[in-house]
Amino acid sequence: GEVAAGSPLTIYPDAIDTIDLPTIARMPKDSFLLRVKGDSLKDAYIFSGDIVIINPNLEPRNGQIVVAILDDAAVVKRFYKKKSQIELVSENPEYKPIIIDKKYPSFNIVGIVVGVYRSMEKRRAG
């Protein structure tokens, strides 16, 4: 699937593609991969087209990059927990933070980004 690094994307549960990772890349049980679409994490060196490795079994800590669901759309952002709010922050000054009340009914943290896979092959434009 894909996750937005910018404006939220609608969630599609169907796999787009599969990737075989070497056994050296041991992922925790239930981990999954998402392809990033957008440039809001460019200053964290996560670029559009990269594959992020998500561990759904960890509790997010301030400053970690998470995948979150907002109103049936997925985003990948840096997480900060405030007193009564959660702030999802981009790593690109062109994007404003997303502020969420902790009681917001359509908000869920899906997992923590624990790794990034990037192909070194030249990407096609478009």
PDB file of N, CA and C in Angstrom:
ATOM      1  N   GLY A   1       0.812  -1.179   0.000  1.00  0.00           N
ATOM      2  CA  GLY A   1       0.000   0.000   0.000  1.00  0.00           C
ATOM      3  C   GLY A   1       0.858   1.246   0.000  1.00  0.00           C
ATOM      4  N   GLU A   2       0.203   2.398   0.038  1.00  0.00           N
ATOM      5  CA  GLU A   2       0.900   3.678   0.055  1.00  0.00           C
ATOM      6  C   GLU A   2       0.482   4.463   1.278  1.00  0.00           C
ATOM      7  N   VAL A   3       1.356   5.363   1.710  1.00  0.00           N
ATOM      8  CA  VAL A   3       1.064   6.269   2.810  1.00  0.00           C
ATOM      9  C   VAL A   3       1.508   7.661   2.393  1.00  0.00           C
ATOM     10  N   ALA A   4       0.701   8.656   2.746  1.00  0.00           N
ATOM     11  CA  ALA A   4       0.968  10.024   2.315  1.00  0.00           C
ATOM     12  C   ALA A   4       2.008  10.691   3.186  1.00  0.00           C
ATOM     13  N   ALA A   5       2.958  11.326   2.541  1.00  0.00           N
ATOM     14  CA  ALA A   5       3.875  12.242   3.207  1.00  0.00           C
ATOM     15  C   ALA A   5       3.527  13.603   2.625  1.00  0.00           C
ATOM     16  N   GLY A   6       2.443  14.148   3.069  1.00  0.00           N
ATOM     17  CA  GLY A   6       1.850  15.367   2.536  1.00  0.00           C
ATOM     18  C   GLY A   6       0.382  15.311   2.879  1.00  0.00           C
ATOM     19  N   SER A   7      -0.486  15.423   1.894  1.00  0.00           N
ATOM     20  CA  SER A   7      -1.920  15.317   2.129  1.00  0.00           C
ATOM     21  C   SER A   7      -2.297  13.862   2.347  1.00  0.00           C
ATOM     22  N   PRO A   8      -3.260  13.590   3.267  1.00  0.00           N
ATOM     23  CA  PRO A   8      -3.651  12.199   3.523  1.00  0.00           C
ATOM     24  C   PRO A   8      -4.155  11.499   2.270  1.00  0.00           C
ATOM     25  N   LEU A   9      -3.876  10.184   2.186  1.00  0.00           N
ATOM     26  CA  LEU A   9      -4.340   9.347   1.078  1.00  0.00           C
ATOM     27  C   LEU A   9      -5.421   8.406   1.577  1.00  0.00           C
ATOM     28  N   THR A  10      -6.373   8.080   0.712  1.00  0.00           N
ATOM     29  CA  THR A  10      -7.351   7.065   1.045  1.00  0.00           C
ATOM     30  C   THR A  10      -6.641   5.732   1.201  1.00  0.00           C
ATOM     31  N   ILE A  11      -7.092   4.921   2.171  1.00  0.00           N
ATOM     32  CA  ILE A  11      -6.455   3.633   2.446  1.00  0.00           C
ATOM     33  C   ILE A  11      -6.963   2.590   1.461  1.00  0.00           C
ATOM     34  N   TYR A  12      -6.038   1.831   0.891  1.00  0.00           N
ATOM     35  CA  TYR A  12      -6.368   0.707   0.040  1.00  0.00           C
ATOM     36  C   TYR A  12      -5.735  -0.531   0.646  1.00  0.00           C
ATOM     37  N   PRO A  13      -6.553  -1.494   1.083  1.00  0.00           N
ATOM     38  CA  PRO A  13      -5.993  -2.653   1.778  1.00  0.00           C
ATOM     39  C   PRO A  13      -5.261  -3.638   0.875  1.00  0.00           C
ATOM     40  N   ASP A  14      -5.413  -3.533  -0.430  1.00  0.00           N
ATOM     41  CA  ASP A  14      -4.794  -4.496  -1.337  1.00  0.00           C
ATOM     42  C   ASP A  14      -3.318  -4.189  -1.537  1.00  0.00           C
ATOM     43  N   ALA A  15      -2.515  -5.234  -1.570  1.00  0.00           N
ATOM     44  CA  ALA A  15      -1.080  -5.070  -1.811  1.00  0.00           C
ATOM     45  C   ALA A  15      -0.869  -4.626  -3.252  1.00  0.00           C
ATOM     46  N   ILE A  16       0.028  -3.676  -3.443  1.00  0.00           N
ATOM     47  CA  ILE A  16       0.371  -3.207  -4.785  1.00  0.00           C
ATOM     48  C   ILE A  16       1.475  -4.070  -5.362  1.00  0.00           C
ATOM     49  N   ASP A  17       2.407  -4.474  -4.524  1.00  0.00           N
ATOM     50  CA  ASP A  17       3.573  -5.219  -4.963  1.00  0.00           C
ATOM     51  C   ASP A  17       4.143  -5.943  -3.754  1.00  0.00           C
ATOM     52  N   THR A  18       5.041  -6.874  -3.986  1.00  0.00           N
ATOM     53  CA  THR A  18       5.737  -7.537  -2.886  1.00  0.00           C
ATOM     54  C   THR A  18       7.225  -7.292  -3.034  1.00  0.00           C
ATOM     55  N   ILE A  19       7.920  -7.280  -1.904  1.00  0.00           N
ATOM     56  CA  ILE A  19       9.366  -7.070  -1.887  1.00  0.00           C
ATOM     57  C   ILE A  19       9.984  -8.168  -1.048  1.00  0.00           C
ATOM     58  N   ASP A  20      10.997  -8.840  -1.588  1.00  0.00           N
ATOM     59  CA  ASP A  20      11.748  -9.820  -0.818  1.00  0.00           C
ATOM     60  C   ASP A  20      12.925  -9.118  -0.168  1.00  0.00           C
ATOM     61  N   LEU A  21      12.972  -9.151   1.156  1.00  0.00           N
ATOM     62  CA  LEU A  21      14.086  -8.556   1.876  1.00  0.00           C
ATOM     63  C   LEU A  21      15.022  -9.656   2.330  1.00  0.00           C
ATOM     64  N   PRO A  22      16.311  -9.386   2.364  1.00  0.00           N
ATOM     65  CA  PRO A  22      17.246 -10.400   2.842  1.00  0.00           C
ATOM     66  C   PRO A  22      16.965 -10.743   4.302  1.00  0.00           C
ATOM     67  N   THR A  23      17.392 -11.921   4.709  1.00  0.00           N
ATOM     68  CA  THR A  23      17.155 -12.345   6.089  1.00  0.00           C
ATOM     69  C   THR A  23      17.839 -11.434   7.090  1.00  0.00           C
ATOM     70  N   ILE A  24      18.827 -10.656   6.640  1.00  0.00           N
ATOM     71  CA  ILE A  24      19.492  -9.718   7.546  1.00  0.00           C
ATOM     72  C   ILE A  24      18.525  -8.622   8.011  1.00  0.00           C
ATOM     73  N   ALA A  25      17.517  -8.346   7.205  1.00  0.00           N
ATOM     74  CA  ALA A  25      16.520  -7.333   7.563  1.00  0.00           C
ATOM     75  C   ALA A  25      15.389  -8.008   8.329  1.00  0.00           C
ATOM     76  N   ARG A  26      15.671  -8.465   9.514  1.00  0.00           N
ATOM     77  CA  ARG A  26      14.656  -9.155  10.321  1.00  0.00           C
ATOM     78  C   ARG A  26      13.649  -8.142  10.839  1.00  0.00           C
ATOM     79  N   MET A  27      12.431  -8.349  10.451  1.00  0.00           N
ATOM     80  CA  MET A  27      11.377  -7.442  10.862  1.00  0.00           C
ATOM     81  C   MET A  27      10.572  -8.090  11.981  1.00  0.00           C
ATOM     82  N   PRO A  28      10.132  -7.301  12.960  1.00  0.00           N
ATOM     83  CA  PRO A  28       9.301  -7.854  14.023  1.00  0.00           C
ATOM     84  C   PRO A  28       8.016  -8.444  13.459  1.00  0.00           C
ATOM     85  N   LYS A  29       7.456  -9.400  14.193  1.00  0.00           N
ATOM     86  CA  LYS A  29       6.208 -10.032  13.776  1.00  0.00           C
ATOM     87  C   LYS A  29       5.140  -8.965  13.538  1.00  0.00           C
ATOM     88  N   ASP A  30       4.336  -9.163  12.551  1.00  0.00           N
ATOM     89  CA  ASP A  30       3.243  -8.269  12.165  1.00  0.00           C
ATOM     90  C   ASP A  30       3.708  -6.984  11.490  1.00  0.00           C
ATOM     91  N   SER A  31       5.010  -6.819  11.245  1.00  0.00           N
ATOM     92  CA  SER A  31       5.485  -5.625  10.552  1.00  0.00           C
ATOM     93  C   SER A  31       4.984  -5.636   9.113  1.00  0.00           C
ATOM     94  N   PHE A  32       4.909  -4.460   8.531  1.00  0.00           N
ATOM     95  CA  PHE A  32       4.468  -4.362   7.142  1.00  0.00           C
ATOM     96  C   PHE A  32       5.179  -3.194   6.479  1.00  0.00           C
ATOM     97  N   LEU A  33       5.039  -3.114   5.162  1.00  0.00           N
ATOM     98  CA  LEU A  33       5.718  -2.099   4.356  1.00  0.00           C
ATOM     99  C   LEU A  33       4.692  -1.206   3.676  1.00  0.00           C
ATOM    100  N   LEU A  34       5.024   0.061   3.555  1.00  0.00           N
ATOM    101  CA  LEU A  34       4.203   1.002   2.799  1.00  0.00           C
ATOM    102  C   LEU A  34       5.111   1.860   1.929  1.00  0.00           C
ATOM    103  N   ARG A  35       4.631   2.179   0.732  1.00  0.00           N
ATOM    104  CA  ARG A  35       5.377   3.073  -0.157  1.00  0.00           C
ATOM    105  C   ARG A  35       4.960   4.515   0.149  1.00  0.00           C
ATOM    106  N   VAL A  36       5.936   5.386   0.317  1.00  0.00           N
ATOM    107  CA  VAL A  36       5.684   6.791   0.631  1.00  0.00           C
ATOM    108  C   VAL A  36       5.322   7.542  -0.643  1.00  0.00           C
ATOM    109  N   LYS A  37       4.326   8.394  -0.542  1.00  0.00           N
ATOM    110  CA  LYS A  37       3.925   9.238  -1.664  1.00  0.00           C
ATOM    111  C   LYS A  37       3.865  10.674  -1.154  1.00  0.00           C
ATOM    112  N   GLY A  38       4.760  11.520  -1.625  1.00  0.00           N
ATOM    113  CA  GLY A  38       4.798  12.911  -1.191  1.00  0.00           C
ATOM    114  C   GLY A  38       6.154  13.281  -0.620  1.00  0.00           C
ATOM    115  N   ASP A  39       6.314  14.570  -0.295  1.00  0.00           N
ATOM    116  CA  ASP A  39       7.630  15.064   0.108  1.00  0.00           C
ATOM    117  C   ASP A  39       7.669  15.694   1.500  1.00  0.00           C
ATOM    118  N   SER A  40       6.679  15.417   2.343  1.00  0.00           N
ATOM    119  CA  SER A  40       6.642  16.096   3.641  1.00  0.00           C
ATOM    120  C   SER A  40       7.687  15.587   4.630  1.00  0.00           C
ATOM    121  N   LEU A  41       8.380  14.499   4.326  1.00  0.00           N
ATOM    122  CA  LEU A  41       9.431  13.987   5.215  1.00  0.00           C
ATOM    123  C   LEU A  41      10.810  14.078   4.571  1.00  0.00           C
ATOM    124  N   LYS A  42      10.949  14.933   3.574  1.00  0.00           N
ATOM    125  CA  LYS A  42      12.223  15.015   2.845  1.00  0.00           C
ATOM    126  C   LYS A  42      13.383  15.414   3.741  1.00  0.00           C
ATOM    127  N   ASP A  43      13.147  16.261   4.743  1.00  0.00           N
ATOM    128  CA  ASP A  43      14.231  16.668   5.638  1.00  0.00           C
ATOM    129  C   ASP A  43      14.595  15.586   6.652  1.00  0.00           C
ATOM    130  N   ALA A  44      13.793  14.515   6.702  1.00  0.00           N
ATOM    131  CA  ALA A  44      14.130  13.327   7.495  1.00  0.00           C
ATOM    132  C   ALA A  44      14.715  12.250   6.578  1.00  0.00           C
ATOM    133  N   TYR A  45      14.999  12.628   5.328  1.00  0.00           N
ATOM    134  CA  TYR A  45      15.579  11.728   4.320  1.00  0.00           C
ATOM    135  C   TYR A  45      14.662  10.556   3.995  1.00  0.00           C
ATOM    136  N   ILE A  46      13.361  10.809   4.028  1.00  0.00           N
ATOM    137  CA  ILE A  46      12.362   9.856   3.555  1.00  0.00           C
ATOM    138  C   ILE A  46      11.685  10.542   2.377  1.00  0.00           C
ATOM    139  N   PHE A  47      11.824   9.919   1.194  1.00  0.00           N
ATOM    140  CA  PHE A  47      11.399  10.555  -0.042  1.00  0.00           C
ATOM    141  C   PHE A  47      10.254   9.792  -0.694  1.00  0.00           C
ATOM    142  N   SER A  48       9.528  10.478  -1.570  1.00  0.00           N
ATOM    143  CA  SER A  48       8.455   9.853  -2.322  1.00  0.00           C
ATOM    144  C   SER A  48       9.013   8.660  -3.090  1.00  0.00           C
ATOM    145  N   GLY A  49       8.351   7.524  -2.988  1.00  0.00           N
ATOM    146  CA  GLY A  49       8.813   6.296  -3.630  1.00  0.00           C
ATOM    147  C   GLY A  49       9.556   5.371  -2.689  1.00  0.00           C
ATOM    148  N   ASP A  50      10.055   5.886  -1.557  1.00  0.00           N
ATOM    149  CA  ASP A  50      10.719   5.030  -0.565  1.00  0.00           C
ATOM    150  C   ASP A  50       9.706   4.068   0.051  1.00  0.00           C
ATOM    151  N   ILE A  51      10.211   2.975   0.559  1.00  0.00           N
ATOM    152  CA  ILE A  51       9.393   2.001   1.280  1.00  0.00           C
ATOM    153  C   ILE A  51       9.721   2.144   2.759  1.00  0.00           C
ATOM    154  N   VAL A  52       8.694   2.385   3.593  1.00  0.00           N
ATOM    155  CA  VAL A  52       8.924   2.454   5.034  1.00  0.00           C
ATOM    156  C   VAL A  52       8.501   1.137   5.665  1.00  0.00           C
ATOM    157  N   ILE A  53       9.287   0.703   6.643  1.00  0.00           N
ATOM    158  CA  ILE A  53       9.012  -0.525   7.383  1.00  0.00           C
ATOM    159  C   ILE A  53       8.319  -0.108   8.674  1.00  0.00           C
ATOM    160  N   ILE A  54       7.136  -0.655   8.912  1.00  0.00           N
ATOM    161  CA  ILE A  54       6.299  -0.257  10.034  1.00  0.00           C
ATOM    162  C   ILE A  54       6.198  -1.390  11.048  1.00  0.00           C
ATOM    163  N   ASN A  55       6.469  -1.074  12.325  1.00  0.00           N
ATOM    164  CA  ASN A  55       6.255  -2.015  13.423  1.00  0.00           C
ATOM    165  C   ASN A  55       4.997  -1.573  14.161  1.00  0.00           C
ATOM    166  N   PRO A  56       3.918  -2.378  14.081  1.00  0.00           N
ATOM    167  CA  PRO A  56       2.665  -1.989  14.721  1.00  0.00           C
ATOM    168  C   PRO A  56       2.612  -2.327  16.212  1.00  0.00           C
ATOM    169  N   ASN A  57       3.657  -2.954  16.733  1.00  0.00           N
ATOM    170  CA  ASN A  57       3.645  -3.435  18.115  1.00  0.00           C
ATOM    171  C   ASN A  57       4.284  -2.479  19.112  1.00  0.00           C
ATOM    172  N   LEU A  58       4.757  -1.321  18.662  1.00  0.00           N
ATOM    173  CA  LEU A  58       5.428  -0.371  19.550  1.00  0.00           C
ATOM    174  C   LEU A  58       4.513   0.800  19.890  1.00  0.00           C
ATOM    175  N   GLU A  59       4.652   1.307  21.096  1.00  0.00           N
ATOM    176  CA  GLU A  59       3.938   2.514  21.525  1.00  0.00           C
ATOM    177  C   GLU A  59       4.757   3.728  21.075  1.00  0.00           C
ATOM    178  N   PRO A  60       4.139   4.700  20.394  1.00  0.00           N
ATOM    179  CA  PRO A  60       4.922   5.836  19.890  1.00  0.00           C
ATOM    180  C   PRO A  60       5.449   6.727  21.011  1.00  0.00           C
ATOM    181  N   ARG A  61       6.673   7.222  20.810  1.00  0.00           N
ATOM    182  CA  ARG A  61       7.295   8.187  21.723  1.00  0.00           C
ATOM    183  C   ARG A  61       7.494   9.496  20.961  1.00  0.00           C
ATOM    184  N   ASN A  62       7.558  10.573  21.704  1.00  0.00           N
ATOM    185  CA  ASN A  62       7.755  11.882  21.081  1.00  0.00           C
ATOM    186  C   ASN A  62       8.980  11.878  20.177  1.00  0.00           C
ATOM    187  N   GLY A  63       8.786  12.415  18.977  1.00  0.00           N
ATOM    188  CA  GLY A  63       9.872  12.529  18.017  1.00  0.00           C
ATOM    189  C   GLY A  63       9.982  11.368  17.050  1.00  0.00           C
ATOM    190  N   GLN A  64       9.268  10.270  17.297  1.00  0.00           N
ATOM    191  CA  GLN A  64       9.328   9.140  16.370  1.00  0.00           C
ATOM    192  C   GLN A  64       8.442   9.413  15.159  1.00  0.00           C
ATOM    193  N   ILE A  65       8.767   8.759  14.050  1.00  0.00           N
ATOM    194  CA  ILE A  65       7.952   8.864  12.843  1.00  0.00           C
ATOM    195  C   ILE A  65       6.952   7.722  12.871  1.00  0.00           C
ATOM    196  N   VAL A  66       5.667   8.077  12.687  1.00  0.00           N
ATOM    197  CA  VAL A  66       4.582   7.111  12.797  1.00  0.00           C
ATOM    198  C   VAL A  66       3.734   7.119  11.534  1.00  0.00           C
ATOM    199  N   VAL A  67       2.971   6.040  11.364  1.00  0.00           N
ATOM    200  CA  VAL A  67       1.894   6.015  10.383  1.00  0.00           C
ATOM    201  C   VAL A  67       0.605   6.140  11.181  1.00  0.00           C
ATOM    202  N   ALA A  68      -0.219   7.106  10.806  1.00  0.00           N
ATOM    203  CA  ALA A  68      -1.473   7.359  11.507  1.00  0.00           C
ATOM    204  C   ALA A  68      -2.627   7.352  10.511  1.00  0.00           C
ATOM    205  N   ILE A  69      -3.798   6.996  11.023  1.00  0.00           N
ATOM    206  CA  ILE A  69      -5.024   7.028  10.229  1.00  0.00           C
ATOM    207  C   ILE A  69      -5.869   8.198  10.724  1.00  0.00           C
ATOM    208  N   LEU A  70      -6.265   9.043   9.797  1.00  0.00           N
ATOM    209  CA  LEU A  70      -7.145  10.185  10.076  1.00  0.00           C
ATOM    210  C   LEU A  70      -8.330  10.100   9.133  1.00  0.00           C
ATOM    211  N   ASP A  71      -9.518   9.879   9.669  1.00  0.00           N
ATOM    212  CA  ASP A  71     -10.717   9.835   8.818  1.00  0.00           C
ATOM    213  C   ASP A  71     -10.524   8.928   7.599  1.00  0.00           C
ATOM    214  N   ASP A  72     -10.062   7.708   7.811  1.00  0.00           N
ATOM    215  CA  ASP A  72      -9.880   6.707   6.751  1.00  0.00           C
ATOM    216  C   ASP A  72      -8.796   7.060   5.739  1.00  0.00           C
ATOM    217  N   ALA A  73      -7.881   7.946   6.095  1.00  0.00           N
ATOM    218  CA  ALA A  73      -6.734   8.265   5.247  1.00  0.00           C
ATOM    219  C   ALA A  73      -5.468   8.089   6.077  1.00  0.00           C
ATOM    220  N   ALA A  74      -4.401   7.619   5.434  1.00  0.00           N
ATOM    221  CA  ALA A  74      -3.146   7.346   6.142  1.00  0.00           C
ATOM    222  C   ALA A  74      -2.129   8.449   5.879  1.00  0.00           C
ATOM    223  N   VAL A  75      -1.369   8.802   6.932  1.00  0.00           N
ATOM    224  CA  VAL A  75      -0.272   9.763   6.804  1.00  0.00           C
ATOM    225  C   VAL A  75       0.939   9.216   7.544  1.00  0.00           C
ATOM    226  N   VAL A  76       2.117   9.650   7.120  1.00  0.00           N
ATOM    227  CA  VAL A  76       3.353   9.336   7.842  1.00  0.00           C
ATOM    228  C   VAL A  76       3.953  10.676   8.267  1.00  0.00           C
ATOM    229  N   LYS A  77       4.134  10.838   9.585  1.00  0.00           N
ATOM    230  CA  LYS A  77       4.577  12.116  10.153  1.00  0.00           C
ATOM    231  C   LYS A  77       5.369  11.855  11.427  1.00  0.00           C
ATOM    232  N   ARG A  78       6.028  12.907  11.910  1.00  0.00           N
ATOM    233  CA  ARG A  78       6.708  12.842  13.203  1.00  0.00           C
ATOM    234  C   ARG A  78       5.666  13.101  14.298  1.00  0.00           C
ATOM    235  N   PHE A  79       5.714  12.290  15.366  1.00  0.00           N
ATOM    236  CA  PHE A  79       4.698  12.265  16.423  1.00  0.00           C
ATOM    237  C   PHE A  79       5.156  13.044  17.651  1.00  0.00           C
ATOM    238  N   TYR A  80       4.260  13.890  18.176  1.00  0.00           N
ATOM    239  CA  TYR A  80       4.496  14.576  19.452  1.00  0.00           C
ATOM    240  C   TYR A  80       3.205  14.555  20.256  1.00  0.00           C
ATOM    241  N   LYS A  81       3.288  14.067  21.471  1.00  0.00           N
ATOM    242  CA  LYS A  81       2.129  14.006  22.363  1.00  0.00           C
ATOM    243  C   LYS A  81       2.191  15.195  23.313  1.00  0.00           C
ATOM    244  N   LYS A  82       1.148  16.011  23.287  1.00  0.00           N
ATOM    245  CA  LYS A  82       1.025  17.166  24.179  1.00  0.00           C
ATOM    246  C   LYS A  82       0.001  16.804  25.256  1.00  0.00           C
ATOM    247  N   LYS A  83      -0.334  17.731  26.127  1.00  0.00           N
ATOM    248  CA  LYS A  83      -1.278  17.447  27.216  1.00  0.00           C
ATOM    249  C   LYS A  83      -2.599  16.880  26.713  1.00  0.00           C
ATOM    250  N   SER A  84      -3.299  17.615  25.879  1.00  0.00           N
ATOM    251  CA  SER A  84      -4.608  17.158  25.411  1.00  0.00           C
ATOM    252  C   SER A  84      -4.650  16.970  23.900  1.00  0.00           C
ATOM    253  N   GLN A  85      -3.489  17.047  23.259  1.00  0.00           N
ATOM    254  CA  GLN A  85      -3.442  16.955  21.805  1.00  0.00           C
ATOM    255  C   GLN A  85      -2.291  16.081  21.348  1.00  0.00           C
ATOM    256  N   ILE A  86      -2.424  15.637  20.123  1.00  0.00           N
ATOM    257  CA  ILE A  86      -1.327  14.969  19.429  1.00  0.00           C
ATOM    258  C   ILE A  86      -0.994  15.839  18.227  1.00  0.00           C
ATOM    259  N   GLU A  87       0.295  16.046  18.018  1.00  0.00           N
ATOM    260  CA  GLU A  87       0.757  16.859  16.901  1.00  0.00           C
ATOM    261  C   GLU A  87       1.523  15.951  15.949  1.00  0.00           C
ATOM    262  N   LEU A  88       1.110  15.938  14.684  1.00  0.00           N
ATOM    263  CA  LEU A  88       1.795  15.197  13.632  1.00  0.00           C
ATOM    264  C   LEU A  88       2.509  16.221  12.761  1.00  0.00           C
ATOM    265  N   VAL A  89       3.841  16.142  12.747  1.00  0.00           N
ATOM    266  CA  VAL A  89       4.664  17.189  12.156  1.00  0.00           C
ATOM    267  C   VAL A  89       5.408  16.665  10.933  1.00  0.00           C
ATOM    268  N   SER A  90       5.396  17.460   9.879  1.00  0.00           N
ATOM    269  CA  SER A  90       6.159  17.154   8.671  1.00  0.00           C
ATOM    270  C   SER A  90       7.612  17.539   8.872  1.00  0.00           C
ATOM    271  N   GLU A  91       8.469  17.001   8.037  1.00  0.00           N
ATOM    272  CA  GLU A  91       9.883  17.379   7.998  1.00  0.00           C
ATOM    273  C   GLU A  91      10.135  18.131   6.696  1.00  0.00           C
ATOM    274  N   ASN A  92       9.244  19.080   6.442  1.00  0.00           N
ATOM    275  CA  ASN A  92       9.318  19.949   5.278  1.00  0.00           C
ATOM    276  C   ASN A  92       8.562  21.215   5.666  1.00  0.00           C
ATOM    277  N   PRO A  93       9.210  22.373   5.673  1.00  0.00           N
ATOM    278  CA  PRO A  93       8.556  23.596   6.139  1.00  0.00           C
ATOM    279  C   PRO A  93       7.348  24.028   5.309  1.00  0.00           C
ATOM    280  N   GLU A  94       7.133  23.410   4.154  1.00  0.00           N
ATOM    281  CA  GLU A  94       5.978  23.758   3.324  1.00  0.00           C
ATOM    282  C   GLU A  94       4.670  23.201   3.877  1.00  0.00           C
ATOM    283  N   TYR A  95       4.745  22.278   4.846  1.00  0.00           N
ATOM    284  CA  TYR A  95       3.552  21.641   5.399  1.00  0.00           C
ATOM    285  C   TYR A  95       3.355  22.046   6.852  1.00  0.00           C
ATOM    286  N   LYS A  96       2.114  22.387   7.193  1.00  0.00           N
ATOM    287  CA  LYS A  96       1.776  22.741   8.570  1.00  0.00           C
ATOM    288  C   LYS A  96       1.545  21.467   9.381  1.00  0.00           C
ATOM    289  N   PRO A  97       1.784  21.525  10.702  1.00  0.00           N
ATOM    290  CA  PRO A  97       1.489  20.366  11.555  1.00  0.00           C
ATOM    291  C   PRO A  97      -0.011  20.058  11.560  1.00  0.00           C
ATOM    292  N   ILE A  98      -0.318  18.799  11.788  1.00  0.00           N
ATOM    293  CA  ILE A  98      -1.702  18.365  11.971  1.00  0.00           C
ATOM    294  C   ILE A  98      -1.907  18.235  13.475  1.00  0.00           C
ATOM    295  N   ILE A  99      -2.875  18.973  14.019  1.00  0.00           N
ATOM    296  CA  ILE A  99      -3.166  18.951  15.447  1.00  0.00           C
ATOM    297  C   ILE A  99      -4.448  18.147  15.654  1.00  0.00           C
ATOM    298  N   ILE A 100      -4.384  17.151  16.552  1.00  0.00           N
ATOM    299  CA  ILE A 100      -5.517  16.265  16.790  1.00  0.00           C
ATOM    300  C   ILE A 100      -5.825  16.236  18.272  1.00  0.00           C
ATOM    301  N   ASP A 101      -7.088  16.422  18.609  1.00  0.00           N
ATOM    302  CA  ASP A 101      -7.531  16.242  19.983  1.00  0.00           C
ATOM    303  C   ASP A 101      -7.446  14.754  20.304  1.00  0.00           C
ATOM    304  N   LYS A 102      -6.950  14.404  21.484  1.00  0.00           N
ATOM    305  CA  LYS A 102      -6.763  12.988  21.843  1.00  0.00           C
ATOM    306  C   LYS A 102      -8.063  12.189  21.786  1.00  0.00           C
ATOM    307  N   LYS A 103      -9.194  12.867  21.905  1.00  0.00           N
ATOM    308  CA  LYS A 103     -10.487  12.178  21.885  1.00  0.00           C
ATOM    309  C   LYS A 103     -11.082  12.090  20.483  1.00  0.00           C
ATOM    310  N   TYR A 104     -10.347  12.513  19.475  1.00  0.00           N
ATOM    311  CA  TYR A 104     -10.838  12.492  18.096  1.00  0.00           C
ATOM    312  C   TYR A 104     -11.180  11.057  17.711  1.00  0.00           C
ATOM    313  N   PRO A 105     -12.422  10.790  17.311  1.00  0.00           N
ATOM    314  CA  PRO A 105     -12.850   9.398  17.108  1.00  0.00           C
ATOM    315  C   PRO A 105     -12.236   8.683  15.908  1.00  0.00           C
ATOM    316  N   SER A 106     -11.846   9.413  14.881  1.00  0.00           N
ATOM    317  CA  SER A 106     -11.341   8.773  13.661  1.00  0.00           C
ATOM    318  C   SER A 106      -9.831   8.903  13.538  1.00  0.00           C
ATOM    319  N   PHE A 107      -9.111   8.747  14.664  1.00  0.00           N
ATOM    320  CA  PHE A 107      -7.656   8.846  14.673  1.00  0.00           C
ATOM    321  C   PHE A 107      -7.072   7.602  15.321  1.00  0.00           C
ATOM    322  N   ASN A 108      -6.027   7.058  14.688  1.00  0.00           N
ATOM    323  CA  ASN A 108      -5.377   5.866  15.223  1.00  0.00           C
ATOM    324  C   ASN A 108      -3.923   5.837  14.753  1.00  0.00           C
ATOM    325  N   ILE A 109      -3.012   5.499  15.666  1.00  0.00           N
ATOM    326  CA  ILE A 109      -1.618   5.271  15.288  1.00  0.00           C
ATOM    327  C   ILE A 109      -1.510   3.811  14.865  1.00  0.00           C
ATOM    328  N   VAL A 110      -1.085   3.576  13.643  1.00  0.00           N
ATOM    329  CA  VAL A 110      -0.976   2.224  13.094  1.00  0.00           C
ATOM    330  C   VAL A 110       0.344   1.573  13.485  1.00  0.00           C
ATOM    331  N   GLY A 111       1.413   2.366  13.547  1.00  0.00           N
ATOM    332  CA  GLY A 111       2.715   1.806  13.888  1.00  0.00           C
ATOM    333  C   GLY A 111       3.817   2.837  13.772  1.00  0.00           C
ATOM    334  N   ILE A 112       5.016   2.393  14.141  1.00  0.00           N
ATOM    335  CA  ILE A 112       6.209   3.228  14.144  1.00  0.00           C
ATOM    336  C   ILE A 112       7.065   2.868  12.931  1.00  0.00           C
ATOM    337  N   VAL A 113       7.606   3.873  12.261  1.00  0.00           N
ATOM    338  CA  VAL A 113       8.548   3.628  11.164  1.00  0.00           C
ATOM    339  C   VAL A 113       9.874   3.200  11.791  1.00  0.00           C
ATOM    340  N   VAL A 114      10.295   1.968  11.478  1.00  0.00           N
ATOM    341  CA  VAL A 114      11.541   1.430  12.044  1.00  0.00           C
ATOM    342  C   VAL A 114      12.637   1.287  10.996  1.00  0.00           C
ATOM    343  N   GLY A 115      12.300   1.559   9.746  1.00  0.00           N
ATOM    344  CA  GLY A 115      13.307   1.462   8.700  1.00  0.00           C
ATOM    345  C   GLY A 115      12.790   2.020   7.394  1.00  0.00           C
ATOM    346  N   VAL A 116      13.715   2.268   6.486  1.00  0.00           N
ATOM    347  CA  VAL A 116      13.390   2.788   5.162  1.00  0.00           C
ATOM    348  C   VAL A 116      14.167   1.981   4.138  1.00  0.00           C
ATOM    349  N   TYR A 117      13.491   1.567   3.075  1.00  0.00           N
ATOM    350  CA  TYR A 117      14.134   0.877   1.962  1.00  0.00           C
ATOM    351  C   TYR A 117      14.048   1.802   0.754  1.00  0.00           C
ATOM    352  N   ARG A 118      15.173   1.994   0.102  1.00  0.00           N
ATOM    353  CA  ARG A 118      15.214   2.836  -1.096  1.00  0.00           C
ATOM    354  C   ARG A 118      16.012   2.112  -2.164  1.00  0.00           C
ATOM    355  N   SER A 119      15.416   1.949  -3.321  1.00  0.00           N
ATOM    356  CA  SER A 119      16.134   1.371  -4.444  1.00  0.00           C
ATOM    357  C   SER A 119      17.115   2.404  -4.981  1.00  0.00           C
ATOM    358  N   MET A 120      18.298   1.961  -5.334  1.00  0.00           N
ATOM    359  CA  MET A 120      19.297   2.872  -5.887  1.00  0.00           C
ATOM    360  C   MET A 120      19.222   2.935  -7.408  1.00  0.00           C
ATOM    361  N   GLU A 121      18.271   2.186  -7.997  1.00  0.00           N
ATOM    362  CA  GLU A 121      18.058   2.281  -9.435  1.00  0.00           C
ATOM    363  C   GLU A 121      17.461   3.641  -9.749  1.00  0.00           C
ATOM    364  N   LYS A 122      17.786   4.155 -10.926  1.00  0.00           N
ATOM    365  CA  LYS A 122      17.251   5.451 -11.324  1.00  0.00           C
ATOM    366  C   LYS A 122      15.740   5.338 -11.458  1.00  0.00           C
ATOM    367  N   ARG A 123      15.042   6.249 -10.807  1.00  0.00           N
ATOM    368  CA  ARG A 123      13.585   6.243 -10.863  1.00  0.00           C
ATOM    369  C   ARG A 123      13.117   6.913 -12.145  1.00  0.00           C
ATOM    370  N   ARG A 124      12.009   6.397 -12.659  1.00  0.00           N
ATOM    371  CA  ARG A 124      11.406   6.991 -13.848  1.00  0.00           C
ATOM    372  C   ARG A 124      10.653   8.254 -13.463  1.00  0.00           C
ATOM    373  N   ALA A 125      10.732   9.238 -14.297  1.00  0.00           N
ATOM    374  CA  ALA A 125       9.970  10.471 -14.050  1.00  0.00           C
ATOM    375  C   ALA A 125       8.498  10.212 -14.317  1.00  0.00           C
ATOM    376  N   GLY A 126       7.647  10.873 -13.543  1.00  0.00           N
ATOM    377  CA  GLY A 126       6.217  10.829 -13.807  1.00  0.00           C
ATOM    378  C   GLY A 126       5.522   9.911 -12.928  1.00  0.00           C
TER     379      GLY A 126
END
